[in-house]
Amino acid sequence: MESTQTEGRKTRGRKNPDRQEAITQPDVVKDRIDELVKLYSAAGEAQEQFNDAVKTCAEKSGYNASAVRKFVLARAGEKYEEAKKLAAQQMELFDEVGEK
């Protein structure tokens, strides 16, 4: 008798706080799938709008879009000071070490 690869295997869900396998509940996903798909689509549209806004801002300001994007992400996140310090260190290297 030949066995298939999935025979005898069960799907595994997330672990609960007691580190035991959680009982999967497909009805929870079924109840929210329309909302999740709508949010995913909206996120994609928002990303496109963000990309267009960064490009427009870069064109009008004279900065590279990459620099504007990195600055916005630093301001929007919790690592602004870390990003600022890294940029300062990079500038120091450009100034002090320079080109070959």
PDB file of N, CA and C in Angstrom:
ATOM      1  N   MET A   1       0.840  -1.189   0.000  1.00  0.00           N
ATOM      2  CA  MET A   1       0.000   0.000   0.000  1.00  0.00           C
ATOM      3  C   MET A   1       0.876   1.239   0.000  1.00  0.00           C
ATOM      4  N   GLU A   2       0.602   2.128  -0.900  1.00  0.00           N
ATOM      5  CA  GLU A   2       1.388   3.343  -1.036  1.00  0.00           C
ATOM      6  C   GLU A   2       0.723   4.471  -0.257  1.00  0.00           C
ATOM      7  N   SER A   3       1.501   5.201   0.528  1.00  0.00           N
ATOM      8  CA  SER A   3       0.907   6.308   1.292  1.00  0.00           C
ATOM      9  C   SER A   3       1.252   7.635   0.637  1.00  0.00           C
ATOM     10  N   THR A   4       0.349   8.569   0.747  1.00  0.00           N
ATOM     11  CA  THR A   4       0.604   9.893   0.207  1.00  0.00           C
ATOM     12  C   THR A   4       1.383  10.705   1.224  1.00  0.00           C
ATOM     13  N   GLN A   5       1.966  11.769   0.786  1.00  0.00           N
ATOM     14  CA  GLN A   5       2.794  12.597   1.649  1.00  0.00           C
ATOM     15  C   GLN A   5       1.997  13.239   2.781  1.00  0.00           C
ATOM     16  N   THR A   6       0.734  13.568   2.548  1.00  0.00           N
ATOM     17  CA  THR A   6      -0.056  14.247   3.568  1.00  0.00           C
ATOM     18  C   THR A   6      -0.801  13.285   4.484  1.00  0.00           C
ATOM     19  N   GLU A   7      -0.784  12.016   4.171  1.00  0.00           N
ATOM     20  CA  GLU A   7      -1.506  11.049   4.995  1.00  0.00           C
ATOM     21  C   GLU A   7      -0.890  11.007   6.400  1.00  0.00           C
ATOM     22  N   GLY A   8      -1.724  11.106   7.407  1.00  0.00           N
ATOM     23  CA  GLY A   8      -1.246  11.056   8.779  1.00  0.00           C
ATOM     24  C   GLY A   8      -0.734  12.383   9.313  1.00  0.00           C
ATOM     25  N   ARG A   9      -0.715  13.411   8.500  1.00  0.00           N
ATOM     26  CA  ARG A   9      -0.257  14.732   8.934  1.00  0.00           C
ATOM     27  C   ARG A   9      -1.461  15.620   9.176  1.00  0.00           C
ATOM     28  N   LYS A  10      -1.389  16.432  10.200  1.00  0.00           N
ATOM     29  CA  LYS A  10      -2.474  17.389  10.405  1.00  0.00           C
ATOM     30  C   LYS A  10      -1.896  18.794  10.317  1.00  0.00           C
ATOM     31  N   THR A  11      -2.736  19.739   9.922  1.00  0.00           N
ATOM     32  CA  THR A  11      -2.258  21.105   9.820  1.00  0.00           C
ATOM     33  C   THR A  11      -2.001  21.653  11.208  1.00  0.00           C
ATOM     34  N   ARG A  12      -1.049  22.510  11.287  1.00  0.00           N
ATOM     35  CA  ARG A  12      -0.703  23.107  12.568  1.00  0.00           C
ATOM     36  C   ARG A  12      -1.094  24.569  12.580  1.00  0.00           C
ATOM     37  N   GLY A  13      -1.695  24.977  13.683  1.00  0.00           N
ATOM     38  CA  GLY A  13      -2.095  26.371  13.826  1.00  0.00           C
ATOM     39  C   GLY A  13      -1.084  27.121  14.681  1.00  0.00           C
ATOM     40  N   ARG A  14      -1.435  28.332  15.023  1.00  0.00           N
ATOM     41  CA  ARG A  14      -0.608  29.147  15.906  1.00  0.00           C
ATOM     42  C   ARG A  14      -0.575  28.519  17.282  1.00  0.00           C
ATOM     43  N   LYS A  15       0.370  28.926  18.075  1.00  0.00           N
ATOM     44  CA  LYS A  15       0.433  28.455  19.456  1.00  0.00           C
ATOM     45  C   LYS A  15      -0.293  29.454  20.342  1.00  0.00           C
ATOM     46  N   ASN A  16      -1.032  28.948  21.325  1.00  0.00           N
ATOM     47  CA  ASN A  16      -1.741  29.826  22.250  1.00  0.00           C
ATOM     48  C   ASN A  16      -0.775  30.272  23.356  1.00  0.00           C
ATOM     49  N   PRO A  17      -1.210  31.129  24.276  1.00  0.00           N
ATOM     50  CA  PRO A  17      -0.306  31.612  25.331  1.00  0.00           C
ATOM     51  C   PRO A  17       0.319  30.500  26.176  1.00  0.00           C
ATOM     52  N   ASP A  18      -0.325  29.333  26.233  1.00  0.00           N
ATOM     53  CA  ASP A  18       0.225  28.204  26.988  1.00  0.00           C
ATOM     54  C   ASP A  18       1.191  27.376  26.149  1.00  0.00           C
ATOM     55  N   ARG A  19       1.517  27.887  24.956  1.00  0.00           N
ATOM     56  CA  ARG A  19       2.444  27.247  24.022  1.00  0.00           C
ATOM     57  C   ARG A  19       1.912  25.906  23.493  1.00  0.00           C
ATOM     58  N   GLN A  20       0.599  25.778  23.515  1.00  0.00           N
ATOM     59  CA  GLN A  20      -0.069  24.612  22.946  1.00  0.00           C
ATOM     60  C   GLN A  20      -0.626  25.025  21.585  1.00  0.00           C
ATOM     61  N   GLU A  21      -0.773  24.042  20.703  1.00  0.00           N
ATOM     62  CA  GLU A  21      -1.350  24.366  19.402  1.00  0.00           C
ATOM     63  C   GLU A  21      -2.765  24.886  19.574  1.00  0.00           C
ATOM     64  N   ALA A  22      -3.040  26.012  18.967  1.00  0.00           N
ATOM     65  CA  ALA A  22      -4.382  26.593  19.035  1.00  0.00           C
ATOM     66  C   ALA A  22      -5.323  25.787  18.144  1.00  0.00           C
ATOM     67  N   ILE A  23      -6.563  25.793  18.498  1.00  0.00           N
ATOM     68  CA  ILE A  23      -7.581  25.139  17.675  1.00  0.00           C
ATOM     69  C   ILE A  23      -7.937  26.104  16.555  1.00  0.00           C
ATOM     70  N   THR A  24      -7.779  25.648  15.329  1.00  0.00           N
ATOM     71  CA  THR A  24      -8.072  26.517  14.198  1.00  0.00           C
ATOM     72  C   THR A  24      -9.578  26.705  14.066  1.00  0.00           C
ATOM     73  N   GLN A  25      -9.964  27.925  13.671  1.00  0.00           N
ATOM     74  CA  GLN A  25     -11.370  28.279  13.554  1.00  0.00           C
ATOM     75  C   GLN A  25     -11.615  28.973  12.218  1.00  0.00           C
ATOM     76  N   PRO A  26     -11.833  28.199  11.166  1.00  0.00           N
ATOM     77  CA  PRO A  26     -12.006  28.777   9.833  1.00  0.00           C
ATOM     78  C   PRO A  26     -13.174  29.754   9.748  1.00  0.00           C
ATOM     79  N   ASP A  27     -14.188  29.605  10.597  1.00  0.00           N
ATOM     80  CA  ASP A  27     -15.339  30.516  10.549  1.00  0.00           C
ATOM     81  C   ASP A  27     -14.933  31.956  10.858  1.00  0.00           C
ATOM     82  N   VAL A  28     -13.917  32.139  11.691  1.00  0.00           N
ATOM     83  CA  VAL A  28     -13.443  33.492  12.010  1.00  0.00           C
ATOM     84  C   VAL A  28     -12.923  34.162  10.741  1.00  0.00           C
ATOM     85  N   VAL A  29     -12.149  33.424   9.954  1.00  0.00           N
ATOM     86  CA  VAL A  29     -11.628  33.968   8.695  1.00  0.00           C
ATOM     87  C   VAL A  29     -12.766  34.167   7.709  1.00  0.00           C
ATOM     88  N   LYS A  30     -13.663  33.191   7.630  1.00  0.00           N
ATOM     89  CA  LYS A  30     -14.795  33.280   6.704  1.00  0.00           C
ATOM     90  C   LYS A  30     -15.625  34.537   6.990  1.00  0.00           C
ATOM     91  N   ASP A  31     -15.835  34.845   8.274  1.00  0.00           N
ATOM     92  CA  ASP A  31     -16.627  36.022   8.651  1.00  0.00           C
ATOM     93  C   ASP A  31     -15.943  37.339   8.297  1.00  0.00           C
ATOM     94  N   ARG A  32     -14.605  37.350   8.216  1.00  0.00           N
ATOM     95  CA  ARG A  32     -13.883  38.608   8.007  1.00  0.00           C
ATOM     96  C   ARG A  32     -13.176  38.711   6.666  1.00  0.00           C
ATOM     97  N   ILE A  33     -13.284  37.690   5.815  1.00  0.00           N
ATOM     98  CA  ILE A  33     -12.511  37.670   4.575  1.00  0.00           C
ATOM     99  C   ILE A  33     -12.805  38.865   3.678  1.00  0.00           C
ATOM    100  N   ASP A  34     -14.059  39.279   3.562  1.00  0.00           N
ATOM    101  CA  ASP A  34     -14.383  40.426   2.704  1.00  0.00           C
ATOM    102  C   ASP A  34     -13.699  41.690   3.208  1.00  0.00           C
ATOM    103  N   GLU A  35     -13.732  41.897   4.522  1.00  0.00           N
ATOM    104  CA  GLU A  35     -13.077  43.066   5.122  1.00  0.00           C
ATOM    105  C   GLU A  35     -11.564  43.011   4.891  1.00  0.00           C
ATOM    106  N   LEU A  36     -10.956  41.844   5.069  1.00  0.00           N
ATOM    107  CA  LEU A  36      -9.512  41.702   4.897  1.00  0.00           C
ATOM    108  C   LEU A  36      -9.090  41.966   3.454  1.00  0.00           C
ATOM    109  N   VAL A  37      -9.863  41.457   2.501  1.00  0.00           N
ATOM    110  CA  VAL A  37      -9.558  41.691   1.085  1.00  0.00           C
ATOM    111  C   VAL A  37      -9.676  43.180   0.763  1.00  0.00           C
ATOM    112  N   LYS A  38     -10.713  43.827   1.292  1.00  0.00           N
ATOM    113  CA  LYS A  38     -10.909  45.265   1.065  1.00  0.00           C
ATOM    114  C   LYS A  38      -9.738  46.068   1.636  1.00  0.00           C
ATOM    115  N   LEU A  39      -9.303  45.729   2.847  1.00  0.00           N
ATOM    116  CA  LEU A  39      -8.170  46.424   3.464  1.00  0.00           C
ATOM    117  C   LEU A  39      -6.884  46.207   2.681  1.00  0.00           C
ATOM    118  N   TYR A  40      -6.676  44.986   2.186  1.00  0.00           N
ATOM    119  CA  TYR A  40      -5.482  44.688   1.387  1.00  0.00           C
ATOM    120  C   TYR A  40      -5.470  45.534   0.118  1.00  0.00           C
ATOM    121  N   SER A  41      -6.617  45.640  -0.539  1.00  0.00           N
ATOM    122  CA  SER A  41      -6.717  46.451  -1.758  1.00  0.00           C
ATOM    123  C   SER A  41      -6.466  47.924  -1.454  1.00  0.00           C
ATOM    124  N   ALA A  42      -7.026  48.400  -0.343  1.00  0.00           N
ATOM    125  CA  ALA A  42      -6.830  49.801   0.047  1.00  0.00           C
ATOM    126  C   ALA A  42      -5.366  50.075   0.362  1.00  0.00           C
ATOM    127  N   ALA A  43      -4.691  49.114   0.971  1.00  0.00           N
ATOM    128  CA  ALA A  43      -3.269  49.283   1.288  1.00  0.00           C
ATOM    129  C   ALA A  43      -2.452  49.416   0.003  1.00  0.00           C
ATOM    130  N   GLY A  44      -2.786  48.623  -1.002  1.00  0.00           N
ATOM    131  CA  GLY A  44      -2.093  48.714  -2.286  1.00  0.00           C
ATOM    132  C   GLY A  44      -2.306  50.066  -2.947  1.00  0.00           C
ATOM    133  N   GLU A  45      -3.550  50.552  -2.895  1.00  0.00           N
ATOM    134  CA  GLU A  45      -3.856  51.866  -3.470  1.00  0.00           C
ATOM    135  C   GLU A  45      -3.129  52.977  -2.701  1.00  0.00           C
ATOM    136  N   ALA A  46      -3.088  52.858  -1.373  1.00  0.00           N
ATOM    137  CA  ALA A  46      -2.397  53.857  -0.556  1.00  0.00           C
ATOM    138  C   ALA A  46      -0.905  53.858  -0.871  1.00  0.00           C
ATOM    139  N   GLN A  47      -0.332  52.686  -1.107  1.00  0.00           N
ATOM    140  CA  GLN A  47       1.093  52.595  -1.446  1.00  0.00           C
ATOM    141  C   GLN A  47       1.372  53.306  -2.771  1.00  0.00           C
ATOM    142  N   GLU A  48       0.490  53.119  -3.730  1.00  0.00           N
ATOM    143  CA  GLU A  48       0.648  53.796  -5.017  1.00  0.00           C
ATOM    144  C   GLU A  48       0.567  55.319  -4.842  1.00  0.00           C
ATOM    145  N   GLN A  49      -0.396  55.775  -4.039  1.00  0.00           N
ATOM    146  CA  GLN A  49      -0.530  57.213  -3.790  1.00  0.00           C
ATOM    147  C   GLN A  49       0.709  57.759  -3.084  1.00  0.00           C
ATOM    148  N   PHE A  50       1.238  57.002  -2.124  1.00  0.00           N
ATOM    149  CA  PHE A  50       2.450  57.415  -1.417  1.00  0.00           C
ATOM    150  C   PHE A  50       3.621  57.513  -2.394  1.00  0.00           C
ATOM    151  N   ASN A  51       3.779  56.510  -3.243  1.00  0.00           N
ATOM    152  CA  ASN A  51       4.868  56.529  -4.224  1.00  0.00           C
ATOM    153  C   ASN A  51       4.765  57.748  -5.136  1.00  0.00           C
ATOM    154  N   ASP A  52       3.554  58.042  -5.605  1.00  0.00           N
ATOM    155  CA  ASP A  52       3.350  59.201  -6.476  1.00  0.00           C
ATOM    156  C   ASP A  52       3.650  60.505  -5.739  1.00  0.00           C
ATOM    157  N   ALA A  53       3.221  60.593  -4.479  1.00  0.00           N
ATOM    158  CA  ALA A  53       3.453  61.810  -3.693  1.00  0.00           C
ATOM    159  C   ALA A  53       4.941  62.019  -3.439  1.00  0.00           C
ATOM    160  N   VAL A  54       5.664  60.951  -3.143  1.00  0.00           N
ATOM    161  CA  VAL A  54       7.113  61.056  -2.921  1.00  0.00           C
ATOM    162  C   VAL A  54       7.801  61.514  -4.203  1.00  0.00           C
ATOM    163  N   LYS A  55       7.410  60.936  -5.329  1.00  0.00           N
ATOM    164  CA  LYS A  55       8.010  61.303  -6.610  1.00  0.00           C
ATOM    165  C   LYS A  55       7.754  62.774  -6.924  1.00  0.00           C
ATOM    166  N   THR A  56       6.526  63.219  -6.726  1.00  0.00           N
ATOM    167  CA  THR A  56       6.175  64.621  -6.984  1.00  0.00           C
ATOM    168  C   THR A  56       6.960  65.557  -6.077  1.00  0.00           C
ATOM    169  N   CYS A  57       7.024  65.215  -4.799  1.00  0.00           N
ATOM    170  CA  CYS A  57       7.766  66.024  -3.838  1.00  0.00           C
ATOM    171  C   CYS A  57       9.249  66.098  -4.216  1.00  0.00           C
ATOM    172  N   ALA A  58       9.797  64.964  -4.617  1.00  0.00           N
ATOM    173  CA  ALA A  58      11.205  64.926  -5.009  1.00  0.00           C
ATOM    174  C   ALA A  58      11.457  65.794  -6.237  1.00  0.00           C
ATOM    175  N   GLU A  59      10.567  65.707  -7.210  1.00  0.00           N
ATOM    176  CA  GLU A  59      10.727  66.509  -8.425  1.00  0.00           C
ATOM    177  C   GLU A  59      10.676  68.002  -8.110  1.00  0.00           C
ATOM    178  N   LYS A  60       9.738  68.404  -7.246  1.00  0.00           N
ATOM    179  CA  LYS A  60       9.586  69.820  -6.917  1.00  0.00           C
ATOM    180  C   LYS A  60      10.694  70.337  -6.006  1.00  0.00           C
ATOM    181  N   SER A  61      11.236  69.444  -5.142  1.00  0.00           N
ATOM    182  CA  SER A  61      12.234  69.895  -4.171  1.00  0.00           C
ATOM    183  C   SER A  61      13.662  69.776  -4.673  1.00  0.00           C
ATOM    184  N   GLY A  62      13.869  68.979  -5.701  1.00  0.00           N
ATOM    185  CA  GLY A  62      15.220  68.795  -6.218  1.00  0.00           C
ATOM    186  C   GLY A  62      15.981  67.663  -5.534  1.00  0.00           C
ATOM    187  N   TYR A  63      15.374  67.021  -4.542  1.00  0.00           N
ATOM    188  CA  TYR A  63      16.009  65.884  -3.872  1.00  0.00           C
ATOM    189  C   TYR A  63      15.716  64.605  -4.639  1.00  0.00           C
ATOM    190  N   ASN A  64      16.561  63.601  -4.436  1.00  0.00           N
ATOM    191  CA  ASN A  64      16.289  62.279  -5.006  1.00  0.00           C
ATOM    192  C   ASN A  64      15.090  61.668  -4.284  1.00  0.00           C
ATOM    193  N   ALA A  65      14.264  60.953  -5.025  1.00  0.00           N
ATOM    194  CA  ALA A  65      13.084  60.314  -4.432  1.00  0.00           C
ATOM    195  C   ALA A  65      13.480  59.358  -3.319  1.00  0.00           C
ATOM    196  N   SER A  66      14.595  58.676  -3.483  1.00  0.00           N
ATOM    197  CA  SER A  66      15.074  57.743  -2.467  1.00  0.00           C
ATOM    198  C   SER A  66      15.356  58.463  -1.147  1.00  0.00           C
ATOM    199  N   ALA A  67      15.958  59.635  -1.224  1.00  0.00           N
ATOM    200  CA  ALA A  67      16.269  60.404  -0.014  1.00  0.00           C
ATOM    201  C   ALA A  67      14.983  60.881   0.665  1.00  0.00           C
ATOM    202  N   VAL A  68      14.036  61.346  -0.132  1.00  0.00           N
ATOM    203  CA  VAL A  68      12.764  61.807   0.431  1.00  0.00           C
ATOM    204  C   VAL A  68      12.038  60.645   1.097  1.00  0.00           C
ATOM    205  N   ARG A  69      11.992  59.499   0.427  1.00  0.00           N
ATOM    206  CA  ARG A  69      11.314  58.318   0.961  1.00  0.00           C
ATOM    207  C   ARG A  69      11.946  57.895   2.289  1.00  0.00           C
ATOM    208  N   LYS A  70      13.273  57.815   2.345  1.00  0.00           N
ATOM    209  CA  LYS A  70      13.953  57.404   3.579  1.00  0.00           C
ATOM    210  C   LYS A  70      13.682  58.379   4.712  1.00  0.00           C
ATOM    211  N   PHE A  71      13.652  59.663   4.399  1.00  0.00           N
ATOM    212  CA  PHE A  71      13.376  60.660   5.428  1.00  0.00           C
ATOM    213  C   PHE A  71      11.948  60.524   5.959  1.00  0.00           C
ATOM    214  N   VAL A  72      10.988  60.345   5.052  1.00  0.00           N
ATOM    215  CA  VAL A  72       9.590  60.188   5.458  1.00  0.00           C
ATOM    216  C   VAL A  72       9.427  58.944   6.323  1.00  0.00           C
ATOM    217  N   LEU A  73      10.056  57.846   5.929  1.00  0.00           N
ATOM    218  CA  LEU A  73       9.952  56.616   6.709  1.00  0.00           C
ATOM    219  C   LEU A  73      10.572  56.778   8.094  1.00  0.00           C
ATOM    220  N   ALA A  74      11.662  57.531   8.165  1.00  0.00           N
ATOM    221  CA  ALA A  74      12.284  57.785   9.472  1.00  0.00           C
ATOM    222  C   ALA A  74      11.372  58.637  10.343  1.00  0.00           C
ATOM    223  N   ARG A  75      10.780  59.672   9.762  1.00  0.00           N
ATOM    224  CA  ARG A  75       9.873  60.539  10.519  1.00  0.00           C
ATOM    225  C   ARG A  75       8.625  59.797  10.960  1.00  0.00           C
ATOM    226  N   ALA A  76       8.124  58.911  10.122  1.00  0.00           N
ATOM    227  CA  ALA A  76       6.893  58.184  10.422  1.00  0.00           C
ATOM    228  C   ALA A  76       7.121  57.064  11.435  1.00  0.00           C
ATOM    229  N   GLY A  77       8.340  56.573  11.519  1.00  0.00           N
ATOM    230  CA  GLY A  77       8.630  55.456  12.409  1.00  0.00           C
ATOM    231  C   GLY A  77       9.167  55.910  13.750  1.00  0.00           C
ATOM    232  N   GLU A  78       9.630  54.939  14.500  1.00  0.00           N
ATOM    233  CA  GLU A  78      10.143  55.210  15.835  1.00  0.00           C
ATOM    234  C   GLU A  78      11.662  55.338  15.851  1.00  0.00           C
ATOM    235  N   LYS A  79      12.298  55.263  14.698  1.00  0.00           N
ATOM    236  CA  LYS A  79      13.756  55.248  14.642  1.00  0.00           C
ATOM    237  C   LYS A  79      14.324  56.513  14.010  1.00  0.00           C
ATOM    238  N   TYR A  80      13.674  57.635  14.225  1.00  0.00           N
ATOM    239  CA  TYR A  80      14.120  58.890  13.621  1.00  0.00           C
ATOM    240  C   TYR A  80      15.540  59.246  14.077  1.00  0.00           C
ATOM    241  N   GLU A  81      15.774  59.213  15.372  1.00  0.00           N
ATOM    242  CA  GLU A  81      17.091  59.592  15.896  1.00  0.00           C
ATOM    243  C   GLU A  81      18.172  58.654  15.385  1.00  0.00           C
ATOM    244  N   GLU A  82      17.853  57.365  15.297  1.00  0.00           N
ATOM    245  CA  GLU A  82      18.811  56.385  14.785  1.00  0.00           C
ATOM    246  C   GLU A  82      19.152  56.675  13.322  1.00  0.00           C
ATOM    247  N   ALA A  83      18.126  56.982  12.513  1.00  0.00           N
ATOM    248  CA  ALA A  83      18.339  57.293  11.100  1.00  0.00           C
ATOM    249  C   ALA A  83      19.133  58.587  10.954  1.00  0.00           C
ATOM    250  N   LYS A  84      18.849  59.575  11.806  1.00  0.00           N
ATOM    251  CA  LYS A  84      19.563  60.853  11.770  1.00  0.00           C
ATOM    252  C   LYS A  84      21.041  60.642  12.095  1.00  0.00           C
ATOM    253  N   LYS A  85      21.320  59.824  13.097  1.00  0.00           N
ATOM    254  CA  LYS A  85      22.706  59.541  13.494  1.00  0.00           C
ATOM    255  C   LYS A  85      23.442  58.826  12.362  1.00  0.00           C
ATOM    256  N   LEU A  86      22.792  57.860  11.732  1.00  0.00           N
ATOM    257  CA  LEU A  86      23.395  57.130  10.628  1.00  0.00           C
ATOM    258  C   LEU A  86      23.713  58.073   9.465  1.00  0.00           C
ATOM    259  N   ALA A  87      22.779  58.962   9.149  1.00  0.00           N
ATOM    260  CA  ALA A  87      23.005  59.921   8.063  1.00  0.00           C
ATOM    261  C   ALA A  87      24.177  60.846   8.387  1.00  0.00           C
ATOM    262  N   ALA A  88      24.292  61.273   9.642  1.00  0.00           N
ATOM    263  CA  ALA A  88      25.400  62.142  10.054  1.00  0.00           C
ATOM    264  C   ALA A  88      26.732  61.404   9.920  1.00  0.00           C
ATOM    265  N   GLN A  89      26.750  60.134  10.301  1.00  0.00           N
ATOM    266  CA  GLN A  89      27.979  59.352  10.176  1.00  0.00           C
ATOM    267  C   GLN A  89      28.366  59.168   8.713  1.00  0.00           C
ATOM    268  N   GLN A  90      27.373  58.949   7.861  1.00  0.00           N
ATOM    269  CA  GLN A  90      27.655  58.802   6.434  1.00  0.00           C
ATOM    270  C   GLN A  90      28.216  60.103   5.865  1.00  0.00           C
ATOM    271  N   MET A  91      27.637  61.243   6.250  1.00  0.00           N
ATOM    272  CA  MET A  91      28.141  62.539   5.783  1.00  0.00           C
ATOM    273  C   MET A  91      29.580  62.751   6.235  1.00  0.00           C
ATOM    274  N   GLU A  92      29.876  62.379   7.486  1.00  0.00           N
ATOM    275  CA  GLU A  92      31.242  62.515   7.989  1.00  0.00           C
ATOM    276  C   GLU A  92      32.209  61.688   7.144  1.00  0.00           C
ATOM    277  N   LEU A  93      31.811  60.464   6.812  1.00  0.00           N
ATOM    278  CA  LEU A  93      32.670  59.625   5.983  1.00  0.00           C
ATOM    279  C   LEU A  93      32.876  60.234   4.600  1.00  0.00           C
ATOM    280  N   PHE A  94      31.815  60.766   4.006  1.00  0.00           N
ATOM    281  CA  PHE A  94      31.954  61.406   2.695  1.00  0.00           C
ATOM    282  C   PHE A  94      32.889  62.613   2.781  1.00  0.00           C
ATOM    283  N   ASP A  95      32.743  63.401   3.846  1.00  0.00           N
ATOM    284  CA  ASP A  95      33.574  64.596   4.015  1.00  0.00           C
ATOM    285  C   ASP A  95      35.015  64.259   4.355  1.00  0.00           C
ATOM    286  N   GLU A  96      35.219  63.351   5.268  1.00  0.00           N
ATOM    287  CA  GLU A  96      36.554  63.062   5.776  1.00  0.00           C
ATOM    288  C   GLU A  96      37.352  62.071   4.930  1.00  0.00           C
ATOM    289  N   VAL A  97      36.674  61.079   4.387  1.00  0.00           N
ATOM    290  CA  VAL A  97      37.363  60.059   3.608  1.00  0.00           C
ATOM    291  C   VAL A  97      37.323  60.413   2.132  1.00  0.00           C
ATOM    292  N   GLY A  98      36.190  60.843   1.661  1.00  0.00           N
ATOM    293  CA  GLY A  98      36.040  61.303   0.291  1.00  0.00           C
ATOM    294  C   GLY A  98      36.209  60.204  -0.745  1.00  0.00           C
ATOM    295  N   GLU A  99      36.465  60.663  -1.953  1.00  0.00           N
ATOM    296  CA  GLU A  99      36.625  59.732  -3.067  1.00  0.00           C
ATOM    297  C   GLU A  99      38.044  59.220  -3.145  1.00  0.00           C
ATOM    298  N   LYS A 100      38.201  58.184  -3.864  1.00  0.00           N
ATOM    299  CA  LYS A 100      39.513  57.567  -4.078  1.00  0.00           C
ATOM    300  C   LYS A 100      40.277  58.335  -5.109  1.00  0.00           C
TER     301      LYS A 100
END
